[in-house]
Structure formats: structure tokens, C-alpha cells
Amino acid sequence: MRKSQDIFDGNPPPGIYRLSSRTRPAAILAAIDAAGWRGFYLDGRGISSKPAFLAASAHALAFPDYFGHIGMRSRKV
């Protein structure tokens, strides 16, 4: 888990960090939590479109069920 430790030890700007590792996601999330960060696991293997990515991200980040659906009612123009 050396690469993730490098991130924790430095002072990187806020953002999204991708980590490819053989370490179990639960162990990585525990290390992230111990470092005072908040991490989320997003398994991208089944994501093949932007809508699928946004839905998976909303689920991983525990957004409310209505997220992404406000103002999306059909309208006749």
C-alpha cells in the first residue's frame, strides 16, 4: 500500500485519486480513515457509460435517492 501512503504523507490538493492495488478495498478504506481522510470504493469494472458512472458514484457516495432526478421531468416543447 505504499502509493496510497505517499498520498497520505504528502499534502496533495483535494481531488479524486485513482488507486490500483491488490490490497482489499476494506483495508485501503481503513488506512484512508486512519489518516483522517474520507474514501469511497467505486468498482469500475461494470461501468461502461457516463450515466452508469454517475449512478455508481452516487451510490458509492451515499447520495440521496432523488439525486440526479430533480428537474428531470419530461416536458412537451
N, C-alpha and C. Protein backbone atom coordinates (compact mmCIF):
# COMPACT_ATOMS: atom_id res chain seq x y z
N MET A 1 0.83 -1.18 0.00
CA MET A 1 0.00 0.00 0.00
C MET A 1 0.87 1.25 0.00
N ARG A 2 2.04 1.15 -0.53
CA ARG A 2 3.00 2.25 -0.50
C ARG A 2 2.50 3.49 -1.24
N LYS A 3 1.90 3.34 -2.43
CA LYS A 3 1.48 4.51 -3.20
C LYS A 3 0.43 5.32 -2.43
N SER A 4 -0.51 4.64 -1.80
CA SER A 4 -1.52 5.38 -1.04
C SER A 4 -0.87 6.07 0.15
N GLN A 5 0.11 5.43 0.77
CA GLN A 5 0.80 6.05 1.90
C GLN A 5 1.52 7.32 1.46
N ASP A 6 2.06 7.33 0.25
CA ASP A 6 2.70 8.53 -0.29
C ASP A 6 1.71 9.69 -0.36
N ILE A 7 0.48 9.40 -0.74
CA ILE A 7 -0.55 10.43 -0.81
C ILE A 7 -0.86 10.93 0.60
N PHE A 8 -1.02 10.00 1.56
CA PHE A 8 -1.35 10.40 2.92
C PHE A 8 -0.24 11.22 3.57
N ASP A 9 1.00 10.90 3.26
CA ASP A 9 2.14 11.58 3.87
C ASP A 9 2.38 12.97 3.28
N GLY A 10 1.95 13.18 2.04
CA GLY A 10 2.15 14.47 1.38
C GLY A 10 1.00 15.41 1.69
N ASN A 11 0.94 16.45 0.90
CA ASN A 11 -0.13 17.42 1.06
C ASN A 11 -0.76 17.65 -0.31
N PRO A 12 -1.37 16.61 -0.87
CA PRO A 12 -1.93 16.75 -2.21
C PRO A 12 -3.18 17.63 -2.19
N PRO A 13 -3.48 18.26 -3.31
CA PRO A 13 -4.69 19.08 -3.37
C PRO A 13 -5.93 18.17 -3.33
N PRO A 14 -7.08 18.74 -2.92
CA PRO A 14 -8.31 17.95 -2.94
C PRO A 14 -8.58 17.43 -4.35
N GLY A 15 -9.17 16.28 -4.44
CA GLY A 15 -9.48 15.75 -5.76
C GLY A 15 -9.84 14.28 -5.69
N ILE A 16 -9.85 13.68 -6.84
CA ILE A 16 -10.13 12.26 -6.96
C ILE A 16 -8.81 11.57 -7.25
N TYR A 17 -8.51 10.56 -6.47
CA TYR A 17 -7.28 9.81 -6.65
C TYR A 17 -7.61 8.37 -7.00
N ARG A 18 -7.04 7.90 -8.07
CA ARG A 18 -7.26 6.52 -8.50
C ARG A 18 -6.14 5.66 -7.96
N LEU A 19 -6.52 4.55 -7.39
CA LEU A 19 -5.53 3.63 -6.83
C LEU A 19 -5.80 2.23 -7.35
N SER A 20 -4.84 1.68 -8.04
CA SER A 20 -4.92 0.29 -8.47
C SER A 20 -4.05 -0.52 -7.52
N SER A 21 -4.66 -1.50 -6.89
CA SER A 21 -3.93 -2.24 -5.87
C SER A 21 -4.50 -3.64 -5.72
N ARG A 22 -3.67 -4.55 -5.26
CA ARG A 22 -4.13 -5.90 -4.93
C ARG A 22 -4.63 -5.96 -3.49
N THR A 23 -4.44 -4.88 -2.77
CA THR A 23 -4.91 -4.80 -1.38
C THR A 23 -6.43 -4.73 -1.38
N ARG A 24 -7.05 -5.42 -0.45
CA ARG A 24 -8.51 -5.41 -0.35
C ARG A 24 -9.03 -3.99 -0.15
N PRO A 25 -10.13 -3.64 -0.81
CA PRO A 25 -10.69 -2.29 -0.65
C PRO A 25 -10.95 -1.93 0.81
N ALA A 26 -11.42 -2.87 1.61
CA ALA A 26 -11.69 -2.58 3.02
C ALA A 26 -10.42 -2.15 3.76
N ALA A 27 -9.28 -2.77 3.43
CA ALA A 27 -8.02 -2.41 4.08
C ALA A 27 -7.57 -1.01 3.64
N ILE A 28 -7.77 -0.71 2.38
CA ILE A 28 -7.40 0.62 1.88
C ILE A 28 -8.29 1.68 2.53
N LEU A 29 -9.59 1.41 2.59
CA LEU A 29 -10.51 2.37 3.21
C LEU A 29 -10.20 2.56 4.69
N ALA A 30 -9.77 1.50 5.38
CA ALA A 30 -9.38 1.62 6.79
C ALA A 30 -8.15 2.51 6.93
N ALA A 31 -7.18 2.36 6.03
CA ALA A 31 -5.98 3.21 6.07
C ALA A 31 -6.33 4.65 5.76
N ILE A 32 -7.23 4.85 4.83
CA ILE A 32 -7.67 6.20 4.49
C ILE A 32 -8.33 6.85 5.70
N ASP A 33 -9.21 6.11 6.35
CA ASP A 33 -9.91 6.59 7.54
C ASP A 33 -8.91 6.92 8.66
N ALA A 34 -7.94 6.03 8.86
CA ALA A 34 -6.93 6.24 9.91
C ALA A 34 -6.09 7.49 9.64
N ALA A 35 -5.95 7.85 8.38
CA ALA A 35 -5.17 9.03 8.01
C ALA A 35 -6.01 10.31 8.11
N GLY A 36 -7.28 10.15 8.48
CA GLY A 36 -8.14 11.32 8.62
C GLY A 36 -8.82 11.77 7.34
N TRP A 37 -8.78 10.91 6.35
CA TRP A 37 -9.42 11.22 5.07
C TRP A 37 -10.73 10.47 4.99
N ARG A 38 -11.49 10.77 3.97
CA ARG A 38 -12.71 10.02 3.70
C ARG A 38 -12.57 9.41 2.32
N GLY A 39 -12.74 8.11 2.24
CA GLY A 39 -12.58 7.42 0.97
C GLY A 39 -13.85 6.69 0.58
N PHE A 40 -13.97 6.44 -0.69
CA PHE A 40 -15.12 5.72 -1.23
C PHE A 40 -14.62 4.71 -2.26
N TYR A 41 -15.21 3.54 -2.24
CA TYR A 41 -14.83 2.48 -3.17
C TYR A 41 -15.80 2.48 -4.34
N LEU A 42 -15.26 2.57 -5.53
CA LEU A 42 -16.05 2.52 -6.75
C LEU A 42 -15.42 1.50 -7.67
N ASP A 43 -16.09 0.38 -7.84
CA ASP A 43 -15.61 -0.68 -8.71
C ASP A 43 -16.04 -0.36 -10.13
N GLY A 44 -15.11 0.02 -10.96
CA GLY A 44 -15.42 0.46 -12.31
C GLY A 44 -15.54 -0.64 -13.34
N ARG A 45 -15.37 -1.89 -12.95
CA ARG A 45 -15.40 -2.97 -13.93
C ARG A 45 -16.71 -3.08 -14.69
N GLY A 46 -17.83 -2.73 -14.07
CA GLY A 46 -19.11 -2.86 -14.75
C GLY A 46 -19.64 -1.55 -15.31
N ILE A 47 -18.83 -0.53 -15.29
CA ILE A 47 -19.27 0.79 -15.74
C ILE A 47 -18.82 1.00 -17.18
N SER A 48 -19.79 1.25 -18.06
CA SER A 48 -19.43 1.41 -19.47
C SER A 48 -20.02 2.67 -20.10
N SER A 49 -20.62 3.54 -19.29
CA SER A 49 -21.19 4.77 -19.84
C SER A 49 -21.17 5.86 -18.77
N LYS A 50 -21.34 7.08 -19.20
CA LYS A 50 -21.38 8.19 -18.25
C LYS A 50 -22.54 8.05 -17.27
N PRO A 51 -23.78 7.73 -17.75
CA PRO A 51 -24.87 7.56 -16.79
C PRO A 51 -24.60 6.45 -15.77
N ALA A 52 -23.98 5.37 -16.20
CA ALA A 52 -23.65 4.28 -15.28
C ALA A 52 -22.60 4.74 -14.26
N PHE A 53 -21.63 5.52 -14.71
CA PHE A 53 -20.61 6.06 -13.81
C PHE A 53 -21.24 6.99 -12.78
N LEU A 54 -22.11 7.87 -13.23
CA LEU A 54 -22.75 8.81 -12.31
C LEU A 54 -23.63 8.08 -11.30
N ALA A 55 -24.35 7.05 -11.75
CA ALA A 55 -25.20 6.27 -10.84
C ALA A 55 -24.34 5.53 -9.82
N ALA A 56 -23.26 4.91 -10.27
CA ALA A 56 -22.37 4.18 -9.35
C ALA A 56 -21.70 5.13 -8.37
N SER A 57 -21.32 6.31 -8.85
CA SER A 57 -20.70 7.30 -7.96
C SER A 57 -21.69 7.78 -6.91
N ALA A 58 -22.92 8.05 -7.32
CA ALA A 58 -23.95 8.50 -6.37
C ALA A 58 -24.19 7.43 -5.31
N HIS A 59 -24.18 6.17 -5.73
CA HIS A 59 -24.37 5.07 -4.77
C HIS A 59 -23.18 4.98 -3.81
N ALA A 60 -21.96 5.02 -4.35
CA ALA A 60 -20.75 4.92 -3.51
C ALA A 60 -20.65 6.07 -2.52
N LEU A 61 -21.09 7.24 -2.94
CA LEU A 61 -21.01 8.42 -2.07
C LEU A 61 -22.24 8.58 -1.18
N ALA A 62 -23.16 7.62 -1.27
CA ALA A 62 -24.38 7.59 -0.45
C ALA A 62 -25.23 8.85 -0.64
N PHE A 63 -25.34 9.30 -1.88
CA PHE A 63 -26.22 10.42 -2.17
C PHE A 63 -27.67 9.99 -1.97
N PRO A 64 -28.56 10.92 -1.70
CA PRO A 64 -29.97 10.55 -1.53
C PRO A 64 -30.56 10.02 -2.84
N ASP A 65 -31.62 9.22 -2.72
CA ASP A 65 -32.22 8.59 -3.90
C ASP A 65 -32.67 9.59 -4.96
N TYR A 66 -33.06 10.78 -4.55
CA TYR A 66 -33.54 11.75 -5.53
C TYR A 66 -32.41 12.44 -6.29
N PHE A 67 -31.15 12.22 -5.90
CA PHE A 67 -30.02 12.86 -6.56
C PHE A 67 -30.03 12.55 -8.05
N GLY A 68 -29.89 13.57 -8.86
CA GLY A 68 -29.82 13.41 -10.31
C GLY A 68 -31.17 13.38 -10.99
N HIS A 69 -32.24 13.45 -10.20
CA HIS A 69 -33.58 13.36 -10.79
C HIS A 69 -34.38 14.64 -10.61
N ILE A 70 -33.87 15.61 -9.91
CA ILE A 70 -34.58 16.86 -9.70
C ILE A 70 -34.56 17.65 -11.01
N GLY A 71 -35.70 18.13 -11.41
CA GLY A 71 -35.79 18.92 -12.63
C GLY A 71 -35.70 18.10 -13.90
N MET A 72 -35.83 16.80 -13.79
CA MET A 72 -35.69 15.93 -14.95
C MET A 72 -37.05 15.47 -15.49
N ARG A 73 -38.13 16.15 -15.10
CA ARG A 73 -39.44 15.76 -15.58
C ARG A 73 -39.55 16.01 -17.07
N SER A 74 -40.28 15.16 -17.74
CA SER A 74 -40.49 15.33 -19.18
C SER A 74 -41.34 16.56 -19.44
N ARG A 75 -41.01 17.28 -20.47
CA ARG A 75 -41.79 18.45 -20.88
C ARG A 75 -42.04 18.37 -22.37
N LYS A 76 -43.22 18.78 -22.75
CA LYS A 76 -43.51 18.89 -24.19
C LYS A 76 -43.14 20.28 -24.62
N VAL A 77 -42.41 20.37 -25.69
CA VAL A 77 -41.97 21.68 -26.18
C VAL A 77 -42.70 22.00 -27.46
